[in-house]
Amino acid sequence: MTDDRRDIEIIRGLAERYAEIAALPIMDERRDLWRRHNSLERTRPLVYMRWLAAWQEHPESQLQCTDPFWQGHERVLRQGIVQEWVADDYVIEPWITQRASTQMPEHGPWGVPYNRIRPKEPGGAWLYDPPLKQFEDIERLAEPHHVIDEDATARNIERLRGAVGDILTVNVDRSPAYTIWRADLSTDLAYLRGLEQIMWDMADNPKWLHRLLSHMSEGVQRVQQEAEDAGDWSLSAHQNQAQPYSLELDDPAPNSGPVKREDLWVFCAAQEFALISPPMHDEFMFQYQLPILKHFGLVAYGCCEDLTEKMDMLRQLPNLRRIAVVPMADVAKSAELIGTDYVFSWRPNPADVMCCGFDREKIRRIIREGMEAARGCIVDITLKDVQTIEHEPWRLREWVEMVREIGDEYA
């Protein structure tokens, strides 16, 4: 048996298991819960194990395919199968997605190479080696556009459909390359200029920094508008760092384009601005994100940054619906400021509840304290950024069971 035939055999077996899970009646129950929850109706607190915590420690994480193309799809299928075993409120969709082959400028999203200074020891921290070291380096930046390599895209679609098209619908995602981290500006800004230097620029070189941010914001807007003009947005492009359902917008669906951005959820964050004051965050980031975000139907804001003191800034967004409340946040103050105006997306500290032992009483205490502080809010609970489960995958399922039991007391 050739390697490709063996890989396809592995993929087909996983696709059959995945399709069975996607067809379970509980998926429709979860969809209904997320629709109502994200539309600010009170449900039980929903629970989500994001990015399938410490995936590398799961037995299922050992890939068997040899071709990188099949390995990417194998990973997605295996993660979906394990996600259902975890038994959180994640929705397994009855399709498999092939990303279109989008093209960026040479050397990266803004036409200049992103470099890192690697750590000397494994597991150490890397440093930025930004390409914009001098003011005149800004002239090297490219103007991005929405470009799809149709031949490469067609080859990949045909390959995937030939392998599993009789088992799962093959969804083609033609949304632009400049979404999520490529579109939040904050991520690429740090790569381009360096995290510490950005802070100096706000004080020492504000005019130059505004010029850089204008170039980036206009570039993202141009790419996203070109994708909309081309009919390349679809309902599979929803993004909200949870489950992108609501009563106001159509559900995620495969091959459902063209749609407009106003039909979609969008996710945005500014993690690199965690230590920046609210006025400077507003001036040097949020005002450049606003023109991007205003075109979408609903917005989820925040990933790992503390937004406790920035709620007034966020309220400028008329289509804001979800706000992240992270481990460093003041949960009680955030609850007071968010109220029932937005979804209170709480993220407990994984170091406290998962990564450093599994103290059941401590976990129950932390979850109860958080739920008590957020009493009256529209709450969901997301566990994310888990670096280790100390090779005990059972912790994930038991954590979900405990959190759901406690959350139900606050339904």
Protein backbone atom coordinates (compact mmCIF):
# COMPACT_ATOMS: atom_id res chain seq x y z
CA MET A 1 0.00 0.00 0.00
CA THR A 2 1.39 3.42 -0.95
CA ASP A 3 1.81 6.09 1.70
CA ASP A 4 -0.99 8.19 0.16
CA ARG A 5 -3.44 5.27 0.13
CA ARG A 6 -2.54 4.47 3.73
CA ASP A 7 -3.03 8.13 4.74
CA ILE A 8 -6.43 8.21 3.04
CA GLU A 9 -7.46 5.03 4.82
CA ILE A 10 -6.57 6.64 8.17
CA ILE A 11 -8.44 9.84 7.28
CA ARG A 12 -11.55 7.94 6.19
CA GLY A 13 -11.68 6.00 9.44
CA LEU A 14 -11.40 9.20 11.47
CA ALA A 15 -13.95 10.98 9.25
CA GLU A 16 -16.50 8.22 9.89
CA ARG A 17 -16.07 8.57 13.66
CA TYR A 18 -16.23 12.37 13.37
CA ALA A 19 -19.42 12.25 11.27
CA GLU A 20 -21.10 10.01 13.82
CA ILE A 21 -20.31 12.51 16.57
CA ALA A 22 -21.50 15.48 14.48
CA ALA A 23 -24.84 13.73 13.96
CA LEU A 24 -25.55 13.28 17.69
CA PRO A 25 -28.77 15.02 18.83
CA ILE A 26 -26.85 16.83 21.58
CA MET A 27 -25.21 19.01 18.92
CA ASP A 28 -28.54 20.65 18.15
CA GLU A 29 -29.13 21.13 21.88
CA ARG A 30 -25.79 22.91 22.16
CA ARG A 31 -26.50 25.06 19.13
CA ASP A 32 -29.76 26.21 20.68
CA LEU A 33 -28.03 27.02 23.97
CA TRP A 34 -25.32 29.07 22.26
CA ARG A 35 -27.85 30.92 20.10
CA ARG A 36 -29.81 32.06 23.12
CA HIS A 37 -26.76 32.64 25.33
CA ASN A 38 -24.98 34.81 22.72
CA SER A 39 -28.21 36.75 22.27
CA LEU A 40 -28.16 37.60 25.98
CA GLU A 41 -30.90 35.19 27.01
CA ARG A 42 -30.26 33.51 30.33
CA THR A 43 -29.29 29.85 30.05
CA ARG A 44 -27.14 27.63 32.22
CA PRO A 45 -23.50 28.81 32.11
CA LEU A 46 -21.91 27.19 29.06
CA VAL A 47 -18.54 25.45 29.34
CA TYR A 48 -15.84 25.39 26.67
CA MET A 49 -12.43 23.66 26.66
CA ARG A 50 -10.64 25.83 24.08
CA TRP A 51 -7.87 24.60 21.79
CA LEU A 52 -8.23 21.20 23.44
CA ALA A 53 -5.94 21.78 26.37
CA ALA A 54 -2.40 20.38 26.27
CA TRP A 55 -3.19 18.48 23.09
CA GLN A 56 0.34 17.10 22.86
CA GLU A 57 -0.31 15.04 26.00
CA HIS A 58 -3.34 13.22 24.59
CA PRO A 59 -2.80 9.70 23.20
CA GLU A 60 -4.86 10.74 20.16
CA SER A 61 -2.36 13.50 19.35
CA GLN A 62 0.07 11.01 17.80
CA LEU A 63 -0.49 11.49 14.09
CA GLN A 64 -0.28 8.45 11.81
CA CYS A 65 -0.39 10.11 8.39
CA THR A 66 2.90 10.92 6.68
CA ASP A 67 1.86 13.62 4.18
CA PRO A 68 1.65 17.12 5.76
CA PHE A 69 -1.58 17.76 3.82
CA TRP A 70 -3.29 14.77 5.43
CA GLN A 71 -1.68 15.43 8.81
CA GLY A 72 -3.45 18.80 9.02
CA HIS A 73 -6.85 17.21 8.47
CA GLU A 74 -5.99 14.25 10.70
CA ARG A 75 -5.23 16.62 13.57
CA VAL A 76 -8.57 18.43 13.18
CA LEU A 77 -10.53 15.16 13.10
CA ARG A 78 -8.71 13.69 16.10
CA GLN A 79 -9.19 16.86 18.12
CA GLY A 80 -12.92 16.87 17.37
CA ILE A 81 -13.24 13.26 18.49
CA VAL A 82 -11.45 13.97 21.78
CA GLN A 83 -13.36 17.23 22.25
CA GLU A 84 -16.59 15.26 22.36
CA TRP A 85 -15.08 12.89 24.92
CA VAL A 86 -14.31 15.94 27.09
CA ALA A 87 -18.10 16.57 27.01
CA ASP A 88 -18.07 20.35 27.12
CA ASP A 89 -20.47 22.51 25.07
CA TYR A 90 -18.40 22.54 21.89
CA VAL A 91 -20.34 21.93 18.67
CA ILE A 92 -18.88 19.41 16.23
CA GLU A 93 -19.97 20.56 12.77
CA PRO A 94 -20.85 17.96 10.09
CA TRP A 95 -18.24 19.11 7.60
CA ILE A 96 -14.49 19.25 7.06
CA THR A 97 -12.89 22.48 5.88
CA GLN A 98 -10.29 23.03 3.21
CA ARG A 99 -8.76 26.48 3.40
CA ALA A 100 -8.30 28.26 0.09
CA SER A 101 -4.68 28.95 -0.82
CA THR A 102 -4.52 32.68 -0.13
CA GLN A 103 -1.42 34.63 -1.09
CA MET A 104 0.40 37.30 0.91
CA PRO A 105 3.17 39.68 -0.13
CA GLU A 106 6.65 38.23 -0.37
CA HIS A 107 8.37 38.02 3.05
CA GLY A 108 5.13 38.06 5.07
CA PRO A 109 1.82 39.85 5.60
CA TRP A 110 3.34 43.34 5.36
CA GLY A 111 6.16 42.58 2.94
CA VAL A 112 8.98 42.45 5.48
CA PRO A 113 10.32 39.37 7.28
CA TYR A 114 9.37 38.65 10.88
CA ASN A 115 12.41 37.52 12.82
CA ARG A 116 12.84 36.12 16.30
CA ILE A 117 15.88 35.77 18.51
CA ARG A 118 15.63 32.15 19.57
CA PRO A 119 16.28 31.02 23.15
CA LYS A 120 19.54 29.25 23.88
CA GLU A 121 17.75 26.49 25.76
CA PRO A 122 14.63 24.53 24.77
CA GLY A 123 11.48 25.99 26.26
CA GLY A 124 12.98 29.42 26.80
CA ALA A 125 11.45 32.71 25.72
CA TRP A 126 12.19 34.22 22.31
CA LEU A 127 12.72 37.93 21.68
CA TYR A 128 11.43 40.18 18.92
CA ASP A 129 13.86 41.11 16.16
CA PRO A 130 11.61 43.64 14.42
CA PRO A 131 12.15 44.66 10.78
CA LEU A 132 11.11 48.31 11.35
CA LYS A 133 14.18 49.46 13.26
CA GLN A 134 14.47 52.90 11.67
CA PHE A 135 11.68 55.33 10.83
CA GLU A 136 12.45 55.10 7.10
CA ASP A 137 11.88 51.32 7.19
CA ILE A 138 8.17 52.04 7.01
CA GLU A 139 8.66 52.70 3.29
CA ARG A 140 9.41 48.99 2.80
CA LEU A 141 5.91 47.92 3.83
CA ALA A 142 3.68 46.32 1.20
CA GLU A 143 0.03 47.07 0.49
CA PRO A 144 -1.80 43.75 0.90
CA HIS A 145 -4.61 42.51 -1.33
CA HIS A 146 -7.02 39.57 -1.33
CA VAL A 147 -5.51 37.03 -3.72
CA ILE A 148 -6.36 33.32 -4.03
CA ASP A 149 -4.29 30.78 -5.92
CA GLU A 150 -7.21 29.10 -7.68
CA ASP A 151 -5.19 26.22 -9.14
CA ALA A 152 -3.69 25.21 -5.81
CA THR A 153 -7.07 25.60 -4.11
CA ALA A 154 -8.79 23.40 -6.70
CA ARG A 155 -6.14 20.68 -6.34
CA ASN A 156 -6.56 20.58 -2.56
CA ILE A 157 -10.35 20.50 -2.78
CA GLU A 158 -10.31 17.67 -5.29
CA ARG A 159 -7.87 15.72 -3.15
CA LEU A 160 -9.96 16.04 0.01
CA ARG A 161 -13.30 15.39 -1.70
CA GLY A 162 -11.89 12.31 -3.34
CA ALA A 163 -10.88 10.95 0.06
CA VAL A 164 -13.84 11.77 2.32
CA GLY A 165 -16.46 13.59 0.24
CA ASP A 166 -18.82 10.65 0.59
CA ILE A 167 -18.54 10.84 4.39
CA LEU A 168 -18.34 14.55 5.20
CA THR A 169 -19.24 17.68 3.26
CA VAL A 170 -16.02 19.39 2.17
CA ASN A 171 -16.37 23.06 3.04
CA VAL A 172 -14.17 25.55 1.19
CA ASP A 173 -13.15 28.56 3.25
CA ARG A 174 -12.26 31.42 0.88
CA SER A 175 -12.20 34.16 3.52
CA PRO A 176 -9.21 36.49 3.37
CA ALA A 177 -5.85 35.77 4.94
CA TYR A 178 -6.17 38.97 7.00
CA THR A 179 -8.55 37.80 9.72
CA ILE A 180 -8.18 37.00 13.45
CA TRP A 181 -4.51 37.62 14.39
CA ARG A 182 -3.67 39.05 10.96
CA ALA A 183 -6.49 41.57 11.38
CA ASP A 184 -6.32 42.65 15.02
CA LEU A 185 -3.32 44.94 14.19
CA SER A 186 -1.87 44.45 17.66
CA THR A 187 -0.20 41.12 16.88
CA ASP A 188 1.55 42.27 13.71
CA LEU A 189 2.42 45.67 15.18
CA ALA A 190 4.54 43.95 17.84
CA TYR A 191 6.27 41.80 15.20
CA LEU A 192 6.95 44.85 13.03
CA ARG A 193 8.27 47.23 15.69
CA GLY A 194 8.95 45.22 18.84
CA LEU A 195 6.81 45.17 21.97
CA GLU A 196 8.93 47.48 24.11
CA GLN A 197 9.61 49.91 21.27
CA ILE A 198 5.87 50.35 20.67
CA MET A 199 5.56 51.69 24.20
CA TRP A 200 8.38 54.18 23.61
CA ASP A 201 6.86 55.23 20.29
CA MET A 202 3.58 56.20 21.93
CA ALA A 203 5.45 58.85 23.89
CA ASP A 204 8.41 59.70 21.66
CA ASN A 205 7.18 59.08 18.10
CA PRO A 206 3.37 59.27 18.15
CA LYS A 207 3.01 60.81 14.67
CA TRP A 208 5.10 58.04 13.09
CA LEU A 209 3.21 55.35 15.02
CA HIS A 210 -0.12 56.76 13.85
CA ARG A 211 1.16 56.60 10.27
CA LEU A 212 2.11 52.94 10.72
CA LEU A 213 -1.24 52.05 12.27
CA SER A 214 -3.13 53.89 9.52
CA HIS A 215 -1.27 51.89 6.89
CA MET A 216 -2.09 48.61 8.66
CA SER A 217 -5.75 49.42 9.36
CA GLU A 218 -6.35 50.59 5.80
CA GLY A 219 -4.63 47.46 4.48
CA VAL A 220 -6.83 45.10 6.47
CA GLN A 221 -9.96 47.02 5.48
CA ARG A 222 -8.93 46.87 1.81
CA VAL A 223 -8.30 43.12 1.88
CA GLN A 224 -11.57 42.38 3.66
CA GLN A 225 -13.54 44.61 1.29
CA GLU A 226 -11.92 42.95 -1.73
CA ALA A 227 -12.93 39.54 -0.35
CA GLU A 228 -16.50 40.76 0.09
CA ASP A 229 -16.57 42.21 -3.43
CA ALA A 230 -15.33 38.85 -4.74
CA GLY A 231 -18.04 36.95 -2.83
CA ASP A 232 -15.47 35.04 -0.79
CA TRP A 233 -16.93 35.44 2.70
CA SER A 234 -19.19 32.59 3.82
CA LEU A 235 -20.97 31.52 7.00
CA SER A 236 -18.09 29.19 7.84
CA ALA A 237 -15.98 32.32 8.49
CA HIS A 238 -17.73 33.21 11.78
CA GLN A 239 -15.17 33.82 14.57
CA ASN A 240 -15.87 34.65 18.23
CA GLN A 241 -13.47 32.49 20.30
CA ALA A 242 -16.43 30.43 21.44
CA GLN A 243 -19.31 28.95 19.45
CA PRO A 244 -20.47 31.53 16.88
CA TYR A 245 -24.21 31.12 17.12
CA SER A 246 -26.80 33.78 17.85
CA LEU A 247 -30.44 34.56 17.14
CA GLU A 248 -29.48 37.65 15.14
CA LEU A 249 -27.14 35.98 12.63
CA ASP A 250 -27.41 32.87 10.49
CA ASP A 251 -25.73 29.74 11.85
CA PRO A 252 -22.34 28.59 10.59
CA ALA A 253 -22.81 26.57 7.40
CA PRO A 254 -20.56 25.03 4.74
CA ASN A 255 -20.13 26.50 1.26
CA SER A 256 -22.70 29.18 2.07
CA GLY A 257 -21.21 32.23 0.39
CA PRO A 258 -21.39 34.85 -0.69
CA VAL A 259 -22.33 36.74 2.46
CA LYS A 260 -21.37 40.15 3.75
CA ARG A 261 -19.32 40.88 6.84
CA GLU A 262 -22.47 42.21 8.48
CA ASP A 263 -23.71 38.60 8.46
CA LEU A 264 -20.75 37.35 10.50
CA TRP A 265 -19.22 37.25 13.94
CA VAL A 266 -15.71 38.68 14.21
CA PHE A 267 -13.12 38.22 16.93
CA CYS A 268 -10.57 40.88 17.89
CA ALA A 269 -8.05 41.42 20.68
CA ALA A 270 -5.03 43.50 21.66
CA GLN A 271 -3.01 41.26 23.94
CA GLU A 272 0.15 43.27 23.33
CA PHE A 273 -1.62 46.29 24.87
CA ALA A 274 -2.29 44.59 28.20
CA LEU A 275 -0.01 47.05 30.06
CA ILE A 276 -1.06 50.12 28.07
CA SER A 277 -3.32 52.67 29.74
CA PRO A 278 -6.94 52.93 28.57
CA PRO A 279 -6.41 56.33 26.86
CA MET A 280 -3.34 55.13 24.97
CA HIS A 281 -4.99 51.80 24.10
CA ASP A 282 -7.87 53.78 22.67
CA GLU A 283 -5.69 56.23 20.74
CA PHE A 284 -3.01 53.87 19.44
CA MET A 285 -5.03 50.72 18.79
CA PHE A 286 -8.80 50.74 19.31
CA GLN A 287 -9.45 53.70 17.02
CA TYR A 288 -7.72 51.75 14.23
CA GLN A 289 -9.61 48.54 15.00
CA LEU A 290 -13.00 50.26 14.99
CA PRO A 291 -13.16 50.84 11.20
CA ILE A 292 -12.43 47.13 10.68
CA LEU A 293 -14.91 45.84 13.25
CA LYS A 294 -17.84 48.10 12.38
CA HIS A 295 -18.54 46.13 9.18
CA PHE A 296 -19.31 42.89 11.04
CA GLY A 297 -22.57 41.74 12.58
CA LEU A 298 -21.34 40.92 16.09
CA VAL A 299 -17.98 41.33 17.82
CA ALA A 300 -16.17 39.33 20.50
CA TYR A 301 -13.28 41.28 22.04
CA GLY A 302 -10.40 40.13 24.19
CA CYS A 303 -8.19 37.08 24.48
CA CYS A 304 -5.61 37.08 27.30
CA GLU A 305 -5.47 40.80 28.13
CA ASP A 306 -7.08 42.35 31.22
CA LEU A 307 -9.89 44.65 30.07
CA THR A 308 -11.23 45.59 33.52
CA GLU A 309 -10.32 49.27 33.19
CA LYS A 310 -11.16 49.46 29.47
CA MET A 311 -14.89 48.74 29.44
CA ASP A 312 -15.79 52.36 28.63
CA MET A 313 -13.50 52.17 25.61
CA LEU A 314 -15.12 48.95 24.40
CA ARG A 315 -18.60 50.45 24.66
CA GLN A 316 -17.77 52.57 21.60
CA LEU A 317 -18.45 49.42 19.58
CA PRO A 318 -22.20 49.31 18.85
CA ASN A 319 -21.99 45.68 17.65
CA LEU A 320 -19.96 44.39 20.61
CA ARG A 321 -21.50 41.26 22.13
CA ARG A 322 -18.84 39.25 24.03
CA ILE A 323 -16.06 40.45 26.38
CA ALA A 324 -13.24 38.26 27.70
CA VAL A 325 -12.67 38.29 31.46
CA VAL A 326 -9.22 36.80 31.93
CA PRO A 327 -7.33 35.37 34.94
CA MET A 328 -5.68 38.74 35.66
CA ALA A 329 -8.98 40.65 35.55
CA ASP A 330 -10.95 41.93 38.53
CA VAL A 331 -13.88 39.55 38.09
CA ALA A 332 -16.25 41.37 40.43
CA LYS A 333 -15.53 44.81 38.95
CA SER A 334 -15.78 43.44 35.41
CA ALA A 335 -19.14 41.90 36.28
CA GLU A 336 -20.38 45.22 37.58
CA LEU A 337 -19.26 47.04 34.42
CA ILE A 338 -20.50 44.41 31.96
CA GLY A 339 -23.80 43.62 33.66
CA THR A 340 -26.19 42.02 31.20
CA ASP A 341 -25.18 44.28 28.30
CA TYR A 342 -22.68 41.74 26.98
CA VAL A 343 -21.73 38.11 27.39
CA PHE A 344 -19.32 37.72 30.30
CA SER A 345 -16.77 35.23 28.91
CA TRP A 346 -14.84 34.17 31.99
CA ARG A 347 -11.47 32.40 31.69
CA PRO A 348 -10.24 30.92 35.01
CA ASN A 349 -6.49 30.63 35.53
CA PRO A 350 -5.35 27.24 34.16
CA ALA A 351 -2.41 27.21 36.56
CA ASP A 352 -4.89 27.20 39.45
CA VAL A 353 -7.37 24.68 38.11
CA MET A 354 -5.49 22.30 35.83
CA CYS A 355 -1.74 22.58 35.28
CA CYS A 356 -0.23 22.30 38.76
CA GLY A 357 -1.97 19.36 40.37
CA PHE A 358 -5.70 18.72 40.41
CA ASP A 359 -7.06 19.92 43.74
CA ARG A 360 -10.82 19.34 43.49
CA GLU A 361 -11.70 21.47 46.49
CA LYS A 362 -9.57 24.34 45.22
CA ILE A 363 -11.18 24.10 41.79
CA ARG A 364 -14.68 24.13 43.28
CA ARG A 365 -13.79 27.13 45.45
CA ILE A 366 -12.36 29.12 42.51
CA ILE A 367 -15.33 28.39 40.26
CA ARG A 368 -17.86 29.22 42.98
CA GLU A 369 -16.08 32.47 43.82
CA GLY A 370 -16.05 33.47 40.16
CA MET A 371 -19.68 32.57 39.64
CA GLU A 372 -20.68 34.41 42.79
CA ALA A 373 -18.82 37.53 41.64
CA ALA A 374 -20.51 37.33 38.23
CA ARG A 375 -23.95 36.55 39.63
CA GLY A 376 -26.59 38.11 37.39
CA CYS A 377 -24.32 38.23 34.31
CA ILE A 378 -24.68 36.17 31.14
CA VAL A 379 -21.72 33.87 31.85
CA ASP A 380 -19.83 31.22 29.97
CA ILE A 381 -16.65 29.59 31.26
CA THR A 382 -13.69 28.91 28.97
CA LEU A 383 -10.57 27.00 29.96
CA LYS A 384 -7.75 27.98 27.61
CA ASP A 385 -3.95 28.29 27.41
CA VAL A 386 -3.43 25.04 29.30
CA GLN A 387 0.24 24.15 28.84
CA THR A 388 0.17 20.82 30.64
CA ILE A 389 -2.25 18.37 32.23
CA GLU A 390 0.69 16.48 33.70
CA HIS A 391 -0.13 13.61 31.32
CA GLU A 392 -3.51 13.00 32.96
CA PRO A 393 -6.16 13.61 30.26
CA TRP A 394 -8.96 12.50 32.59
CA ARG A 395 -8.57 15.87 34.34
CA LEU A 396 -10.23 17.65 31.43
CA ARG A 397 -13.43 15.65 31.52
CA GLU A 398 -13.65 15.77 35.30
CA TRP A 399 -13.04 19.53 35.29
CA VAL A 400 -15.93 20.00 32.87
CA GLU A 401 -18.19 17.85 35.04
CA MET A 402 -17.35 19.84 38.19
CA VAL A 403 -17.72 23.23 36.51
CA ARG A 404 -21.04 22.27 34.94
CA GLU A 405 -22.36 21.03 38.27
CA ILE A 406 -21.44 24.30 39.97
CA GLY A 407 -22.61 26.42 37.05
CA ASP A 408 -26.01 24.80 37.09
CA GLU A 409 -26.51 26.23 40.58
CA TYR A 410 -26.37 29.68 38.96
CA ALA A 411 -28.55 28.90 35.93
